[in-house]
Every structure is written in C-alpha cells, then in structure tokens.
Amino acid sequence: AFDFMDAPPPETLIRALEQLYALGALNDRGELTKMGRRMAEFPLDPMLSKTVIVSEKYKCVSEVLSCVSMLSIGTSVFYRPKDKKVHADTAHQNFARGGGGDHTALLRCYREWAESDYSPQWCFENFIQIRNMKKARDVREQLEGLCERVEVDPNISNPEDIESVLKAVTAGFFYNTARLGRSGDYETVKQRRTVYIHPSSVLAKEEPLPGWVTYFELAFTSKEYMRQVAPIQPQWLIEIAPHFYQESDVEDSKTKKMPKGKKSYSNSGR
C-alpha cells in the first residue's frame, strides 16, 4: 500500500467512519460487519452499495440496479442543445411524470431505453447522451453479476412500486436528508446547513415543493446545491434508521406550519 500524497483531514476520516457505522458496515470496534463485507463486494459508493443490498427487502432489485447504475456514472445522461432547450427540457420532464423525483426519472429513462432495444434513435429524440447510457448499461451488467455473489436476486422486480424504490434509496442515503423550513429554504436534518435543489433537478420547479428530501450529493457553486433529489416521508427515517433518527428529529414536521405557497406534500399521503 502507498501512503497518501496528502493525508486527508482527520474530520473527513471521522465523518467517513461515522457514515460507515451508521450504514451498518462497521461495528463498535471498527470492524467490518456481515453487511459491510457484502457492501464491499460492489465497486460503488457505500451508500449506493447499501441501497442495492436493501432493495431485496423492498422487492425492487431490478429497478434499484437501473437507478444506481445511472447515478454511479457520475455525469448527466441528459443534454440541452442551445437551439432546442425547450424541447430538451420537455423531453426530460416527461421522465418525471408519476413522481419520485430524480431517482425515478433516471429509472424511467433507463427502462424506456431498454424497451426501445437500446436504440440510438430513441436517445436522439429524447436528448439523451447514448455514450453515458452505454456506460450505465455496462455498470448495471457488472452489478447484476456481483448481486449473485452476495446472494441478492437481481431479477426481483416491482415496476409499479415507486415507494419501495424510494425506501431503498432512503435506506442508503438517510445520511443525506433535508427538510423544507419556514423560510422556504431546505436545511439538512442533522447539520442544519441551508441547501438548495439543483436547477437541473426535476424537482426544481415542483409545486408544491416536497417537505422532506434525500439527495445523492452536494455540489458547491454559488450556493450549496443538492444533486439528484428524491421526495421522502419523514416517518421512513425512523422506520429505516432508528439508530440515527429519533421522533424528535421529525415530529416538528407534523406541527410546524409550512411557509405560504410552499405547502409540503410529505404529509399529504402523496
């Protein structure tokens, strides 16, 4: 093994260990758990690995594999030519129909491409970058093979159950959650930092905005933006990560008034 060229700051290492412990990958002594060993089989961010493994419990492995493959390529599959921005935005927004935010929009995009027999023409018509889609397909095929090594059946599928997909995502990404405050801005649940939905998100123009969200990552530009955002129910956090969230973390979502014109739908049963 080689030494780090520059050692990472101690707080970065501590945060990473805390995250692995919260995901159930490490025990109290800092050793890999059975879950941690299964997660380590996947060449993915730990949160994505956990999402894949937990998807079996929610009976949506096939859907989560498509979603995770699209997230893991690290670049957008959508493009907006200058002379056809409106057409491109409309095509991309079509994938968001049916709700579920960016994660399920990516899932629908992959599914429709697969149904078109991976057609380049379909990509052209929908303003999708075929090179990135092919990368996602390669990743997905690799993950399918790795699923068998950790005894997860990659064919378990429930295409209509968006809630189960979002619960699997939440099980991997409960560390990355934010809620809509009275000011109309989002605030991360644990660190209480102000964050914003990235303009490229399908939720950026959503009315009403979701009261609670989970996100794939934060991007720092002029503001701190959440990329790849999904609406969640706050009660899921207690159900999925009771070691990390208490009732007190989510209870004020039932009593606090939402800002005018920003009514949350996290408690409306949608």
Protein backbone atom coordinates (compact mmCIF):
# COMPACT_ATOMS: atom_id res chain seq x y z
CA ALA A 1 0.00 0.00 0.00
CA PHE A 2 1.11 3.56 -0.72
CA ASP A 3 0.92 6.46 1.72
CA PHE A 4 -1.46 9.30 0.87
CA MET A 5 0.28 12.08 -1.11
CA ASP A 6 -1.60 14.43 1.22
CA ALA A 7 -3.20 12.89 4.28
CA PRO A 8 -6.96 13.59 4.37
CA PRO A 9 -8.07 15.92 7.19
CA PRO A 10 -8.95 13.97 10.38
CA GLU A 11 -12.54 15.27 10.30
CA THR A 12 -13.00 13.79 6.80
CA LEU A 13 -11.84 10.36 8.03
CA ILE A 14 -14.02 10.58 11.14
CA ARG A 15 -17.06 11.54 9.05
CA ALA A 16 -16.41 8.61 6.68
CA LEU A 17 -16.15 6.16 9.59
CA GLU A 18 -19.29 7.61 11.18
CA GLN A 19 -21.11 7.14 7.90
CA LEU A 20 -19.98 3.51 7.54
CA TYR A 21 -21.02 2.84 11.14
CA ALA A 22 -24.44 4.45 10.53
CA LEU A 23 -24.87 2.30 7.39
CA GLY A 24 -24.19 -0.82 9.47
CA ALA A 25 -20.93 -1.58 7.62
CA LEU A 26 -18.75 -1.28 10.76
CA ASN A 27 -19.34 -2.47 14.31
CA ASP A 28 -18.45 -0.69 17.59
CA ARG A 29 -14.84 -1.85 17.29
CA GLY A 30 -14.45 -0.50 13.75
CA GLU A 31 -14.50 -3.97 12.17
CA LEU A 32 -16.43 -4.88 9.03
CA THR A 33 -19.83 -6.43 9.75
CA LYS A 34 -21.54 -9.04 7.56
CA MET A 35 -23.39 -6.12 5.89
CA GLY A 36 -20.05 -4.32 5.44
CA ARG A 37 -18.49 -7.35 3.74
CA ARG A 38 -21.47 -7.61 1.37
CA MET A 39 -21.28 -3.87 0.62
CA ALA A 40 -17.53 -4.16 -0.08
CA GLU A 41 -18.24 -6.56 -2.97
CA PHE A 42 -19.63 -3.66 -5.00
CA PRO A 43 -17.25 -1.09 -6.59
CA LEU A 44 -19.65 1.68 -5.54
CA ASP A 45 -20.01 4.48 -3.03
CA PRO A 46 -21.04 2.75 0.25
CA MET A 47 -24.44 4.45 0.20
CA LEU A 48 -25.16 3.05 -3.27
CA SER A 49 -23.96 -0.43 -2.18
CA LYS A 50 -26.32 -0.36 0.80
CA THR A 51 -29.20 0.75 -1.47
CA VAL A 52 -28.61 -2.28 -3.75
CA ILE A 53 -28.46 -4.78 -0.87
CA VAL A 54 -31.53 -3.39 0.90
CA SER A 55 -33.54 -3.34 -2.35
CA GLU A 56 -34.12 -7.09 -1.92
CA LYS A 57 -36.08 -6.40 1.28
CA TYR A 58 -38.25 -3.93 -0.66
CA LYS A 59 -38.62 -6.33 -3.62
CA CYS A 60 -37.33 -3.88 -6.24
CA VAL A 61 -33.77 -5.06 -7.00
CA SER A 62 -34.09 -4.71 -10.78
CA GLU A 63 -35.38 -1.13 -10.51
CA VAL A 64 -32.71 -0.12 -7.98
CA LEU A 65 -29.93 -1.61 -10.15
CA SER A 66 -31.04 0.61 -13.06
CA CYS A 67 -31.29 3.66 -10.82
CA VAL A 68 -27.93 3.07 -9.10
CA SER A 69 -26.19 2.43 -12.42
CA MET A 70 -27.42 5.78 -13.74
CA LEU A 71 -26.31 7.56 -10.54
CA SER A 72 -22.90 5.89 -10.41
CA ILE A 73 -21.63 7.03 -13.82
CA GLY A 74 -21.03 10.46 -12.27
CA THR A 75 -22.24 12.51 -15.19
CA SER A 76 -25.59 13.52 -16.63
CA VAL A 77 -27.25 11.48 -19.35
CA PHE A 78 -29.37 14.49 -20.33
CA TYR A 79 -28.20 17.27 -22.65
CA ARG A 80 -29.71 20.62 -23.71
CA PRO A 81 -28.66 21.89 -27.15
CA LYS A 82 -28.75 25.70 -27.20
CA ASP A 83 -31.23 25.89 -30.06
CA LYS A 84 -33.59 23.25 -28.57
CA LYS A 85 -33.57 23.93 -24.84
CA VAL A 86 -37.38 23.94 -24.53
CA HIS A 87 -37.73 20.65 -26.44
CA ALA A 88 -34.99 19.05 -24.34
CA ASP A 89 -36.49 20.25 -21.06
CA THR A 90 -39.91 18.91 -22.07
CA ALA A 91 -38.43 15.52 -23.03
CA HIS A 92 -36.54 15.28 -19.74
CA GLN A 93 -39.53 16.41 -17.67
CA ASN A 94 -41.58 13.59 -19.23
CA PHE A 95 -39.44 11.09 -17.32
CA ALA A 96 -40.54 12.77 -14.07
CA ARG A 97 -44.23 12.08 -14.68
CA GLY A 98 -45.54 9.80 -11.98
CA GLY A 99 -43.46 11.41 -9.22
CA GLY A 100 -40.46 10.18 -7.28
CA GLY A 101 -38.02 12.94 -8.21
CA ASP A 102 -34.69 12.48 -10.00
CA HIS A 103 -34.06 8.86 -8.98
CA THR A 104 -37.24 7.54 -10.56
CA ALA A 105 -36.81 9.86 -13.58
CA LEU A 106 -33.43 8.16 -14.18
CA LEU A 107 -35.07 4.77 -13.67
CA ARG A 108 -37.80 5.54 -16.23
CA CYS A 109 -35.19 6.86 -18.65
CA TYR A 110 -33.15 3.63 -18.43
CA ARG A 111 -36.24 1.43 -18.62
CA GLU A 112 -37.60 3.17 -21.73
CA TRP A 113 -34.18 2.97 -23.42
CA ALA A 114 -34.05 -0.77 -22.66
CA GLU A 115 -37.60 -1.17 -24.03
CA SER A 116 -36.51 0.58 -27.24
CA ASP A 117 -33.87 -2.18 -27.60
CA TYR A 118 -31.18 0.35 -26.60
CA SER A 119 -31.94 2.45 -29.65
CA PRO A 120 -29.61 5.35 -30.61
CA GLN A 121 -32.60 6.98 -32.34
CA TRP A 122 -34.57 6.93 -29.07
CA CYS A 123 -31.66 8.72 -27.35
CA PHE A 124 -31.52 11.33 -30.12
CA GLU A 125 -35.26 12.02 -29.91
CA ASN A 126 -35.16 12.35 -26.11
CA PHE A 127 -31.96 14.44 -25.87
CA ILE A 128 -30.10 11.65 -24.08
CA GLN A 129 -26.34 11.04 -24.40
CA ILE A 130 -26.03 7.49 -25.68
CA ARG A 131 -22.37 7.16 -24.64
CA ASN A 132 -23.32 7.73 -20.99
CA MET A 133 -26.30 5.38 -21.29
CA LYS A 134 -23.97 2.64 -22.57
CA LYS A 135 -21.72 3.26 -19.56
CA ALA A 136 -24.73 2.83 -17.27
CA ARG A 137 -25.67 -0.41 -19.05
CA ASP A 138 -22.11 -1.75 -18.57
CA VAL A 139 -22.22 -0.85 -14.86
CA ARG A 140 -25.64 -2.48 -14.50
CA GLU A 141 -24.43 -5.74 -16.08
CA GLN A 142 -21.44 -5.79 -13.71
CA LEU A 143 -23.67 -5.13 -10.67
CA GLU A 144 -26.04 -7.93 -11.71
CA GLY A 145 -23.14 -10.40 -11.60
CA LEU A 146 -21.99 -9.07 -8.22
CA CYS A 147 -25.52 -9.41 -6.80
CA GLU A 148 -25.26 -13.16 -7.21
CA ARG A 149 -22.03 -13.15 -5.17
CA VAL A 150 -23.83 -11.56 -2.22
CA GLU A 151 -26.93 -13.76 -2.74
CA VAL A 152 -29.26 -11.00 -3.92
CA ASP A 153 -31.54 -11.99 -6.80
CA PRO A 154 -31.10 -9.25 -9.44
CA ASN A 155 -34.37 -10.18 -11.16
CA ILE A 156 -36.68 -9.31 -8.25
CA SER A 157 -38.86 -6.58 -9.68
CA ASN A 158 -41.91 -4.49 -8.89
CA PRO A 159 -42.03 -1.87 -11.66
CA GLU A 160 -45.10 -0.01 -10.39
CA ASP A 161 -43.99 0.40 -6.78
CA ILE A 162 -42.19 3.76 -6.70
CA GLU A 163 -42.47 3.99 -2.90
CA SER A 164 -40.40 0.82 -2.41
CA VAL A 165 -37.66 2.18 -4.70
CA LEU A 166 -37.60 5.43 -2.70
CA LYS A 167 -37.46 3.50 0.59
CA ALA A 168 -34.46 1.51 -0.69
CA VAL A 169 -32.78 4.78 -1.71
CA THR A 170 -33.57 6.25 1.73
CA ALA A 171 -32.02 3.18 3.40
CA GLY A 172 -28.75 4.01 1.64
CA PHE A 173 -28.96 7.80 1.80
CA PHE A 174 -30.62 8.59 5.14
CA TYR A 175 -27.38 10.42 5.99
CA ASN A 176 -28.19 12.88 3.17
CA THR A 177 -31.58 14.34 4.07
CA ALA A 178 -33.03 17.84 4.15
CA ARG A 179 -36.36 19.36 5.06
CA LEU A 180 -38.16 22.47 3.92
CA GLY A 181 -38.05 25.20 6.57
CA ARG A 182 -40.42 28.04 7.28
CA SER A 183 -38.24 30.37 5.21
CA GLY A 184 -38.93 28.26 2.12
CA ASP A 185 -35.31 27.02 2.00
CA TYR A 186 -34.12 23.49 2.68
CA GLU A 187 -31.99 22.67 5.71
CA THR A 188 -30.03 19.43 6.20
CA VAL A 189 -31.64 17.48 9.02
CA LYS A 190 -28.56 16.76 11.15
CA GLN A 191 -26.04 19.53 10.33
CA ARG A 192 -28.69 22.24 9.85
CA ARG A 193 -26.99 23.68 6.76
CA THR A 194 -29.01 25.63 4.20
CA VAL A 195 -29.07 23.79 0.87
CA TYR A 196 -30.93 24.22 -2.41
CA ILE A 197 -32.34 21.88 -5.05
CA HIS A 198 -30.04 21.97 -8.08
CA PRO A 199 -31.64 23.77 -11.07
CA SER A 200 -31.16 20.63 -13.21
CA SER A 201 -33.35 18.57 -10.85
CA VAL A 202 -36.84 17.58 -11.98
CA LEU A 203 -38.00 18.83 -8.56
CA ALA A 204 -36.56 22.34 -9.07
CA LYS A 205 -39.85 23.64 -10.50
CA GLU A 206 -42.12 21.34 -8.47
CA GLU A 207 -45.17 22.95 -6.86
CA PRO A 208 -45.65 22.34 -4.03
CA LEU A 209 -42.08 21.50 -3.06
CA PRO A 210 -41.61 18.23 -1.16
CA GLY A 211 -41.34 18.80 2.60
CA TRP A 212 -38.57 16.21 3.03
CA VAL A 213 -35.96 15.01 0.54
CA THR A 214 -32.94 12.78 0.27
CA TYR A 215 -30.13 13.66 -2.14
CA PHE A 216 -27.24 11.89 -3.85
CA GLU A 217 -24.57 14.54 -3.21
CA LEU A 218 -23.94 18.21 -2.50
CA ALA A 219 -22.34 20.45 -5.13
CA PHE A 220 -20.68 23.72 -4.12
CA THR A 221 -21.01 26.61 -6.57
CA SER A 222 -22.54 29.99 -5.71
CA LYS A 223 -24.76 28.04 -3.27
CA GLU A 224 -24.72 24.56 -1.78
CA TYR A 225 -26.87 22.52 -4.14
CA MET A 226 -28.41 19.07 -3.68
CA ARG A 227 -27.96 16.93 -6.80
CA GLN A 228 -30.27 14.02 -7.68
CA VAL A 229 -33.08 14.65 -5.24
CA ALA A 230 -35.99 12.40 -4.20
CA PRO A 231 -39.05 13.21 -2.06
CA ILE A 232 -39.41 11.09 1.07
CA GLN A 233 -41.75 10.72 4.05
CA PRO A 234 -40.13 11.74 7.37
CA GLN A 235 -41.59 8.66 9.10
CA TRP A 236 -39.44 6.46 6.82
CA LEU A 237 -36.32 7.79 8.56
CA ILE A 238 -37.43 6.41 11.93
CA GLU A 239 -38.58 3.16 10.34
CA ILE A 240 -35.36 2.68 8.31
CA ALA A 241 -32.69 4.26 10.54
CA PRO A 242 -33.98 4.25 14.16
CA HIS A 243 -30.35 4.30 15.37
CA PHE A 244 -29.81 7.61 13.56
CA TYR A 245 -33.16 9.42 13.80
CA GLN A 246 -35.45 9.87 16.77
CA GLU A 247 -39.07 11.01 16.84
CA SER A 248 -37.81 14.45 17.92
CA ASP A 249 -35.97 14.81 14.58
CA VAL A 250 -39.16 14.50 12.60
CA GLU A 251 -42.01 15.32 14.96
CA ASP A 252 -41.99 19.07 14.29
CA SER A 253 -42.76 18.26 10.65
CA LYS A 254 -46.28 17.45 11.87
CA THR A 255 -46.72 20.61 13.95
CA LYS A 256 -44.74 23.32 12.15
CA LYS A 257 -46.65 25.39 9.66
CA MET A 258 -45.13 25.30 6.19
CA PRO A 259 -44.29 28.63 4.51
CA LYS A 260 -47.11 30.17 2.50
CA GLY A 261 -47.25 28.89 -1.04
CA LYS A 262 -44.72 26.19 -0.15
CA LYS A 263 -47.10 23.64 1.33
CA SER A 264 -45.30 20.38 1.80
CA TYR A 265 -46.63 17.16 0.39
CA SER A 266 -44.59 14.92 2.66
CA ASN A 267 -47.57 14.51 4.99
CA SER A 268 -50.36 14.67 2.46
CA GLY A 269 -50.17 10.99 1.55
CA ARG A 270 -48.92 11.58 -1.96
